[in-house]
Amino acid sequence: MKTSSNRTKTRGEGLVIVVILVAIIGAGVWWLFSIKKESDKEARAFGRELIERLAVNKDQAFFADHLGPQAKMDYPPSQQAYLISKLKELGTPALPIQID
């Protein structure tokens, strides 16, 4: 008699552990998808701002502030000024600029 009640208790505990693991995995998957969606939204907003500030406004300070460490070495201030001058030569693009 003891054996059957002990097995039932063990099966119940195992089921609870499986349910908890499935809930944790489900929450992790939901969190990853929500972070991906949020990151995509933020990246698109930054892309729009980048296009607006560089292509339309020719803002060299924005360009300099948003360069990474390697890009700062690749684009010293003289190269940044050259790039902005080339953008000015090209003129202002037709608005609105389409972004996918």
Protein backbone atom coordinates (compact mmCIF):
# COMPACT_ATOMS: atom_id res chain seq x y z
CA MET A 1 0.00 0.00 0.00
CA LYS A 2 2.77 2.43 0.76
CA THR A 3 4.35 1.91 -2.65
CA SER A 4 1.32 2.98 -4.71
CA SER A 5 0.68 6.16 -2.72
CA ASN A 6 4.38 7.06 -2.92
CA ARG A 7 4.37 6.63 -6.73
CA THR A 8 1.29 8.81 -7.13
CA LYS A 9 2.93 11.53 -5.06
CA THR A 10 6.12 11.30 -7.16
CA ARG A 11 4.16 11.52 -10.43
CA GLY A 12 2.30 14.57 -9.16
CA GLU A 13 5.52 16.29 -8.20
CA GLY A 14 7.02 15.49 -11.60
CA LEU A 15 3.99 16.98 -13.34
CA VAL A 16 4.31 20.17 -11.31
CA ILE A 17 7.99 20.46 -12.26
CA VAL A 18 7.18 19.94 -15.95
CA VAL A 19 4.43 22.59 -15.83
CA ILE A 20 6.81 25.06 -14.15
CA LEU A 21 9.54 24.38 -16.73
CA VAL A 22 7.10 24.83 -19.63
CA ALA A 23 5.90 28.12 -18.09
CA ILE A 24 9.48 29.36 -17.68
CA ILE A 25 10.40 28.39 -21.24
CA GLY A 26 7.22 30.01 -22.57
CA ALA A 27 7.95 33.23 -20.68
CA GLY A 28 11.52 33.22 -22.04
CA VAL A 29 10.33 32.80 -25.63
CA TRP A 30 7.74 35.57 -25.19
CA TRP A 31 10.41 37.86 -23.70
CA LEU A 32 12.81 37.18 -26.60
CA PHE A 33 10.16 37.96 -29.21
CA SER A 34 9.08 41.15 -27.42
CA ILE A 35 12.71 42.33 -27.12
CA LYS A 36 13.26 41.58 -30.81
CA LYS A 37 10.18 43.60 -31.76
CA GLU A 38 11.21 46.50 -29.50
CA SER A 39 14.79 46.47 -30.82
CA ASP A 40 13.53 46.51 -34.41
CA LYS A 41 11.27 49.47 -33.62
CA GLU A 42 14.13 51.38 -31.96
CA ALA A 43 16.52 50.60 -34.84
CA ARG A 44 14.03 51.91 -37.40
CA ALA A 45 13.49 55.09 -35.35
CA PHE A 46 17.25 55.61 -35.14
CA GLY A 47 17.58 55.00 -38.88
CA ARG A 48 14.95 57.63 -39.61
CA GLU A 49 16.64 60.10 -37.27
CA LEU A 50 20.04 59.34 -38.84
CA ILE A 51 18.73 59.98 -42.34
CA GLU A 52 16.99 63.15 -41.23
CA ARG A 53 20.02 64.53 -39.40
CA LEU A 54 22.68 63.55 -41.97
CA ALA A 55 21.02 63.59 -45.39
CA VAL A 56 18.62 66.46 -44.77
CA ASN A 57 20.18 68.63 -42.02
CA LYS A 58 23.88 67.75 -42.66
CA ASP A 59 24.55 67.61 -38.89
CA GLN A 60 28.25 66.84 -38.37
CA ALA A 61 27.93 66.84 -34.56
CA PHE A 62 25.28 64.08 -34.70
CA PHE A 63 27.56 62.06 -36.97
CA ALA A 64 30.53 62.48 -34.63
CA ASP A 65 28.49 61.66 -31.50
CA HIS A 66 27.13 58.41 -32.90
CA LEU A 67 30.34 56.87 -34.22
CA GLY A 68 31.71 53.76 -32.52
CA PRO A 69 35.34 53.51 -31.37
CA GLN A 70 36.58 51.92 -34.61
CA ALA A 71 34.57 54.32 -36.76
CA LYS A 72 36.12 57.26 -34.87
CA MET A 73 39.51 55.97 -35.95
CA ASP A 74 38.30 55.40 -39.53
CA TYR A 75 36.58 58.80 -39.72
CA PRO A 76 38.73 61.44 -37.99
CA PRO A 77 37.23 64.96 -37.80
CA SER A 78 38.74 65.91 -41.17
CA GLN A 79 37.11 62.89 -42.86
CA GLN A 80 33.81 63.68 -41.11
CA ALA A 81 33.91 67.24 -42.44
CA TYR A 82 34.71 65.91 -45.92
CA LEU A 83 31.74 63.54 -45.80
CA ILE A 84 29.38 66.33 -44.70
CA SER A 85 30.68 68.59 -47.46
CA LYS A 86 30.01 65.84 -50.02
CA LEU A 87 26.48 65.45 -48.65
CA LYS A 88 25.99 69.21 -49.00
CA GLU A 89 27.19 69.03 -52.63
CA LEU A 90 24.60 66.35 -53.36
CA GLY A 91 21.85 68.58 -52.00
CA THR A 92 18.73 67.75 -50.03
CA PRO A 93 16.98 64.54 -51.06
CA ALA A 94 13.33 64.50 -52.09
CA LEU A 95 11.13 64.04 -49.06
CA PRO A 96 9.71 61.79 -47.72
CA ILE A 97 12.54 59.31 -47.83
CA GLN A 98 11.14 55.77 -48.07
CA ILE A 99 12.43 53.32 -45.48
CA ASP A 100 11.37 49.67 -45.51
